[in-house]
Amino acid sequence: MREIDEIMVQVRAAMEAQQVSQGELAGRAGLTKGYVSRLLRSDEPDGRPVTLPNALLLAHALGLVTVTSEEGA
């Protein structure tokens, strides 16, 4: 399984455990509900391929990862 797929499995599980809707996740991530919906259906014909930055953005919005930046980088 690709790293991105593993992250998305965790995102879906966290959404269920935290009872977070697609709309709420979209708001937390600064995305539209439609875009989040397509990302969550990435394995379906009308889904959108998930990039690592998008997977991490959703994971961050659910508190699964912390995103930091290095000064001067």
Protein backbone atom coordinates (compact mmCIF):
# COMPACT_ATOMS: atom_id res chain seq x y z
CA MET A 1 0.00 0.00 0.00
CA ARG A 2 1.31 3.43 -0.88
CA GLU A 3 2.07 5.90 1.90
CA ILE A 4 -0.72 8.19 0.64
CA ASP A 5 -3.23 5.32 0.76
CA GLU A 6 -2.23 4.55 4.35
CA ILE A 7 -2.73 8.19 5.34
CA MET A 8 -6.15 8.27 3.70
CA VAL A 9 -7.19 5.10 5.56
CA GLN A 10 -6.24 6.89 8.78
CA VAL A 11 -8.12 10.03 7.69
CA ARG A 12 -11.31 8.05 7.04
CA ALA A 13 -10.97 6.21 10.37
CA ALA A 14 -10.38 9.47 12.24
CA MET A 15 -13.39 11.08 10.59
CA GLU A 16 -15.56 8.22 11.79
CA ALA A 17 -14.06 8.12 15.30
CA GLN A 18 -14.34 11.90 15.73
CA GLN A 19 -17.72 12.02 13.96
CA VAL A 20 -16.43 14.66 11.55
CA SER A 21 -18.46 15.23 8.40
CA GLN A 22 -16.94 15.97 5.01
CA GLY A 23 -18.20 19.53 5.32
CA GLU A 24 -16.57 20.01 8.72
CA LEU A 25 -13.30 18.50 7.48
CA ALA A 26 -13.41 20.80 4.47
CA GLY A 27 -13.82 23.82 6.73
CA ARG A 28 -10.94 22.75 8.96
CA ALA A 29 -8.69 22.16 5.95
CA GLY A 30 -9.71 25.30 4.06
CA LEU A 31 -11.09 23.30 1.13
CA THR A 32 -14.53 22.95 -0.40
CA LYS A 33 -16.78 20.07 0.60
CA GLY A 34 -16.91 18.90 -3.02
CA TYR A 35 -13.13 18.75 -3.26
CA VAL A 36 -12.84 16.79 0.00
CA SER A 37 -15.55 14.44 -1.23
CA ARG A 38 -13.61 13.76 -4.44
CA LEU A 39 -10.39 13.20 -2.46
CA LEU A 40 -12.13 10.71 -0.19
CA ARG A 41 -13.41 8.88 -3.28
CA SER A 42 -10.01 8.84 -4.98
CA ASP A 43 -10.32 5.14 -5.83
CA GLU A 44 -13.60 5.70 -7.71
CA PRO A 45 -13.87 6.87 -11.36
CA ASP A 46 -15.14 10.35 -10.42
CA GLY A 47 -12.66 10.75 -7.55
CA ARG A 48 -9.61 12.97 -7.56
CA PRO A 49 -6.10 11.54 -7.18
CA VAL A 50 -4.72 12.35 -3.74
CA THR A 51 -1.31 13.97 -3.53
CA LEU A 52 0.86 13.70 -0.43
CA PRO A 53 0.33 17.40 0.45
CA ASN A 54 -3.47 16.98 0.27
CA ALA A 55 -3.38 13.78 2.34
CA LEU A 56 -1.26 15.51 4.97
CA LEU A 57 -3.54 18.56 4.94
CA LEU A 58 -6.56 16.38 5.73
CA ALA A 59 -4.60 14.43 8.36
CA HIS A 60 -3.48 17.69 9.96
CA ALA A 61 -7.05 19.00 10.03
CA LEU A 62 -7.99 15.90 12.05
CA GLY A 63 -5.05 16.21 14.43
CA LEU A 64 -3.27 13.14 13.08
CA VAL A 65 -0.05 14.95 12.18
CA THR A 66 1.65 18.20 13.10
CA VAL A 67 3.01 20.31 10.28
CA THR A 68 5.98 22.52 11.07
CA SER A 69 8.40 24.52 9.00
CA GLU A 70 12.04 25.23 9.58
CA GLU A 71 13.16 28.84 9.98
CA GLY A 72 15.01 30.01 6.91
CA ALA A 73 14.09 26.98 4.86
